[in-house]
Amino acid sequence: MTKAEFKAEAQKRVENCLMERARLGAIESEADMIAGVSVVMGLVNESFFESSYDNSMDIVPPMWLMWPMSGRSIVEELKKEVE
């Protein structure tokens, strides 16, 4: 699996999980979930795709960080994309 393939598949799975947890009322903090996922994706990037620590977060979709920082819900933004 290439880095691009991993990034696309991880993004799809994380977003599906986030949407499902929201649908079930089981998510307490989108930002906390994304923070944990981002750390793991950065570690995978360093360990398997030879990224440096300083560049390890290039595998994380920027909007996962930007939306919560600007007070926007990731779930709500993803719903807009589907509509």
N, C-alpha and C. Protein backbone atom coordinates (compact mmCIF):
# COMPACT_ATOMS: atom_id res chain seq x y z
N MET A 1 0.85 -1.18 0.00
CA MET A 1 0.00 0.00 0.00
C MET A 1 0.89 1.24 0.00
N THR A 2 0.57 2.16 -0.87
CA THR A 2 1.33 3.40 -0.92
C THR A 2 0.83 4.36 0.17
N LYS A 3 1.59 5.41 0.39
CA LYS A 3 1.20 6.43 1.37
C LYS A 3 -0.12 7.06 0.97
N ALA A 4 -0.29 7.39 -0.29
CA ALA A 4 -1.54 8.00 -0.77
C ALA A 4 -2.72 7.06 -0.57
N GLU A 5 -2.52 5.78 -0.85
CA GLU A 5 -3.58 4.79 -0.66
C GLU A 5 -3.94 4.67 0.82
N PHE A 6 -2.91 4.63 1.67
CA PHE A 6 -3.16 4.55 3.11
C PHE A 6 -3.93 5.77 3.59
N LYS A 7 -3.49 6.95 3.17
CA LYS A 7 -4.14 8.19 3.59
C LYS A 7 -5.61 8.20 3.18
N ALA A 8 -5.90 7.81 1.94
CA ALA A 8 -7.28 7.80 1.45
C ALA A 8 -8.13 6.79 2.22
N GLU A 9 -7.61 5.61 2.43
CA GLU A 9 -8.36 4.57 3.15
C GLU A 9 -8.55 4.94 4.61
N ALA A 10 -7.51 5.45 5.25
CA ALA A 10 -7.62 5.86 6.65
C ALA A 10 -8.63 6.99 6.80
N GLN A 11 -8.58 7.96 5.90
CA GLN A 11 -9.52 9.08 5.96
C GLN A 11 -10.95 8.58 5.82
N LYS A 12 -11.18 7.70 4.87
CA LYS A 12 -12.52 7.16 4.66
C LYS A 12 -13.02 6.43 5.92
N ARG A 13 -12.17 5.59 6.49
CA ARG A 13 -12.58 4.81 7.66
C ARG A 13 -12.80 5.68 8.89
N VAL A 14 -11.92 6.64 9.10
CA VAL A 14 -12.06 7.53 10.25
C VAL A 14 -13.33 8.36 10.11
N GLU A 15 -13.57 8.92 8.95
CA GLU A 15 -14.76 9.74 8.75
C GLU A 15 -16.04 8.90 8.87
N ASN A 16 -16.02 7.68 8.35
CA ASN A 16 -17.18 6.79 8.51
C ASN A 16 -17.43 6.48 9.98
N CYS A 17 -16.38 6.21 10.72
CA CYS A 17 -16.49 5.93 12.15
C CYS A 17 -17.03 7.15 12.89
N LEU A 18 -16.51 8.31 12.58
CA LEU A 18 -16.96 9.54 13.22
C LEU A 18 -18.45 9.78 12.95
N MET A 19 -18.86 9.60 11.72
CA MET A 19 -20.27 9.80 11.36
C MET A 19 -21.17 8.78 12.06
N GLU A 20 -20.73 7.54 12.12
CA GLU A 20 -21.52 6.50 12.77
C GLU A 20 -21.64 6.75 14.27
N ARG A 21 -20.54 7.12 14.90
CA ARG A 21 -20.58 7.43 16.33
C ARG A 21 -21.50 8.62 16.60
N ALA A 22 -21.48 9.61 15.73
CA ALA A 22 -22.37 10.76 15.89
C ALA A 22 -23.83 10.32 15.72
N ARG A 23 -24.08 9.48 14.74
CA ARG A 23 -25.45 8.99 14.50
C ARG A 23 -25.98 8.24 15.72
N LEU A 24 -25.10 7.50 16.38
CA LEU A 24 -25.50 6.72 17.56
C LEU A 24 -25.49 7.54 18.84
N GLY A 25 -25.04 8.79 18.76
CA GLY A 25 -24.96 9.63 19.95
C GLY A 25 -23.83 9.22 20.89
N ALA A 26 -22.82 8.59 20.33
CA ALA A 26 -21.73 8.03 21.14
C ALA A 26 -20.44 8.84 21.10
N ILE A 27 -20.46 9.99 20.46
CA ILE A 27 -19.23 10.78 20.39
C ILE A 27 -19.33 11.95 21.36
N GLU A 28 -18.33 12.06 22.20
CA GLU A 28 -18.30 13.16 23.17
C GLU A 28 -17.50 14.34 22.65
N SER A 29 -16.42 14.06 21.91
CA SER A 29 -15.58 15.14 21.40
C SER A 29 -14.96 14.73 20.07
N GLU A 30 -15.40 15.38 19.02
CA GLU A 30 -14.80 15.13 17.70
C GLU A 30 -13.31 15.46 17.73
N ALA A 31 -12.98 16.58 18.35
CA ALA A 31 -11.58 17.02 18.37
C ALA A 31 -10.69 16.01 19.10
N ASP A 32 -11.16 15.44 20.20
CA ASP A 32 -10.36 14.44 20.91
C ASP A 32 -10.15 13.20 20.06
N MET A 33 -11.21 12.77 19.38
CA MET A 33 -11.08 11.59 18.52
C MET A 33 -10.08 11.85 17.40
N ILE A 34 -10.20 13.00 16.75
CA ILE A 34 -9.30 13.33 15.65
C ILE A 34 -7.86 13.50 16.15
N ALA A 35 -7.69 14.05 17.34
CA ALA A 35 -6.33 14.19 17.90
C ALA A 35 -5.68 12.82 18.06
N GLY A 36 -6.43 11.86 18.59
CA GLY A 36 -5.88 10.51 18.75
C GLY A 36 -5.57 9.85 17.42
N VAL A 37 -6.49 9.97 16.48
CA VAL A 37 -6.28 9.41 15.14
C VAL A 37 -5.06 10.04 14.49
N SER A 38 -4.90 11.35 14.64
CA SER A 38 -3.79 12.07 14.02
C SER A 38 -2.44 11.60 14.55
N VAL A 39 -2.38 11.34 15.84
CA VAL A 39 -1.13 10.84 16.44
C VAL A 39 -0.77 9.48 15.83
N VAL A 40 -1.75 8.61 15.72
CA VAL A 40 -1.50 7.27 15.16
C VAL A 40 -1.12 7.37 13.69
N MET A 41 -1.82 8.21 12.93
CA MET A 41 -1.47 8.35 11.51
C MET A 41 -0.06 8.93 11.35
N GLY A 42 0.32 9.87 12.22
CA GLY A 42 1.68 10.41 12.18
C GLY A 42 2.71 9.34 12.47
N LEU A 43 2.43 8.47 13.43
CA LEU A 43 3.34 7.37 13.77
C LEU A 43 3.47 6.40 12.61
N VAL A 44 2.36 6.06 11.97
CA VAL A 44 2.39 5.18 10.79
C VAL A 44 3.21 5.84 9.69
N ASN A 45 3.02 7.14 9.50
CA ASN A 45 3.76 7.87 8.48
C ASN A 45 5.27 7.80 8.72
N GLU A 46 5.67 7.98 9.97
CA GLU A 46 7.09 7.90 10.31
C GLU A 46 7.63 6.48 10.17
N SER A 47 6.88 5.51 10.67
CA SER A 47 7.35 4.13 10.74
C SER A 47 7.34 3.40 9.40
N PHE A 48 6.35 3.68 8.57
CA PHE A 48 6.20 2.90 7.34
C PHE A 48 6.43 3.68 6.06
N PHE A 49 6.36 5.00 6.14
CA PHE A 49 6.52 5.80 4.93
C PHE A 49 7.73 6.74 5.03
N GLU A 50 8.59 6.47 6.00
CA GLU A 50 9.87 7.14 6.17
C GLU A 50 9.78 8.66 6.25
N SER A 51 8.72 9.15 6.85
CA SER A 51 8.58 10.58 7.07
C SER A 51 9.38 10.98 8.31
N SER A 52 9.84 12.20 8.33
CA SER A 52 10.52 12.69 9.53
C SER A 52 9.46 13.12 10.54
N TYR A 53 9.87 13.26 11.79
CA TYR A 53 8.95 13.71 12.83
C TYR A 53 8.33 15.06 12.45
N ASP A 54 9.14 15.95 11.94
CA ASP A 54 8.66 17.30 11.59
C ASP A 54 7.62 17.29 10.47
N ASN A 55 7.66 16.28 9.62
CA ASN A 55 6.73 16.20 8.50
C ASN A 55 5.69 15.09 8.65
N SER A 56 5.65 14.48 9.82
CA SER A 56 4.81 13.29 10.00
C SER A 56 3.31 13.58 9.90
N MET A 57 2.90 14.82 10.11
CA MET A 57 1.47 15.14 10.07
C MET A 57 0.97 15.48 8.67
N ASP A 58 1.85 15.40 7.67
CA ASP A 58 1.39 15.70 6.31
C ASP A 58 0.40 14.66 5.79
N ILE A 59 0.24 13.59 6.52
CA ILE A 59 -0.68 12.53 6.13
C ILE A 59 -2.10 12.79 6.66
N VAL A 60 -2.23 13.74 7.57
CA VAL A 60 -3.52 14.05 8.19
C VAL A 60 -4.24 15.11 7.35
N PRO A 61 -5.49 14.85 6.98
CA PRO A 61 -6.23 15.85 6.20
C PRO A 61 -6.31 17.19 6.97
N PRO A 62 -5.89 18.27 6.37
CA PRO A 62 -5.83 19.56 7.06
C PRO A 62 -7.17 20.01 7.67
N MET A 63 -8.26 19.68 7.00
CA MET A 63 -9.56 20.13 7.50
C MET A 63 -9.93 19.46 8.81
N TRP A 64 -9.38 18.29 9.09
CA TRP A 64 -9.62 17.64 10.38
C TRP A 64 -9.12 18.52 11.52
N LEU A 65 -8.11 19.30 11.26
CA LEU A 65 -7.56 20.18 12.28
C LEU A 65 -8.18 21.57 12.20
N MET A 66 -8.40 22.05 10.99
CA MET A 66 -8.89 23.42 10.81
C MET A 66 -10.34 23.59 11.25
N TRP A 67 -11.20 22.63 10.93
CA TRP A 67 -12.60 22.78 11.31
C TRP A 67 -12.77 22.91 12.83
N PRO A 68 -12.24 21.98 13.64
CA PRO A 68 -12.40 22.15 15.09
C PRO A 68 -11.75 23.42 15.63
N MET A 69 -10.60 23.80 15.07
CA MET A 69 -9.93 25.02 15.55
C MET A 69 -10.76 26.26 15.27
N SER A 70 -11.61 26.19 14.26
CA SER A 70 -12.45 27.35 13.93
C SER A 70 -13.87 27.20 14.49
N GLY A 71 -14.05 26.23 15.39
CA GLY A 71 -15.34 26.05 16.05
C GLY A 71 -16.39 25.33 15.22
N ARG A 72 -15.95 24.68 14.14
CA ARG A 72 -16.88 23.97 13.27
C ARG A 72 -16.84 22.47 13.54
N SER A 73 -17.97 21.84 13.40
CA SER A 73 -18.10 20.41 13.61
C SER A 73 -17.64 19.65 12.37
N ILE A 74 -16.77 18.67 12.56
CA ILE A 74 -16.33 17.83 11.45
C ILE A 74 -17.53 17.08 10.88
N VAL A 75 -18.34 16.53 11.75
CA VAL A 75 -19.52 15.78 11.33
C VAL A 75 -20.44 16.66 10.48
N GLU A 76 -20.72 17.87 10.94
CA GLU A 76 -21.60 18.75 10.19
C GLU A 76 -21.01 19.13 8.84
N GLU A 77 -19.70 19.35 8.80
CA GLU A 77 -19.04 19.69 7.53
C GLU A 77 -19.08 18.50 6.56
N LEU A 78 -18.90 17.29 7.08
CA LEU A 78 -18.97 16.10 6.23
C LEU A 78 -20.38 15.88 5.70
N LYS A 79 -21.38 16.18 6.53
CA LYS A 79 -22.77 16.06 6.07
C LYS A 79 -23.02 17.00 4.90
N LYS A 80 -22.47 18.20 4.95
CA LYS A 80 -22.63 19.18 3.87
C LYS A 80 -22.06 18.65 2.56
N GLU A 81 -20.93 17.93 2.66
CA GLU A 81 -20.28 17.39 1.46
C GLU A 81 -21.16 16.33 0.78
N VAL A 82 -21.93 15.60 1.59
CA VAL A 82 -22.77 14.54 1.07
C VAL A 82 -24.04 15.09 0.41
N GLU A 83 -24.52 16.21 0.94
CA GLU A 83 -25.78 16.80 0.43
C GLU A 83 -25.64 17.36 -0.96
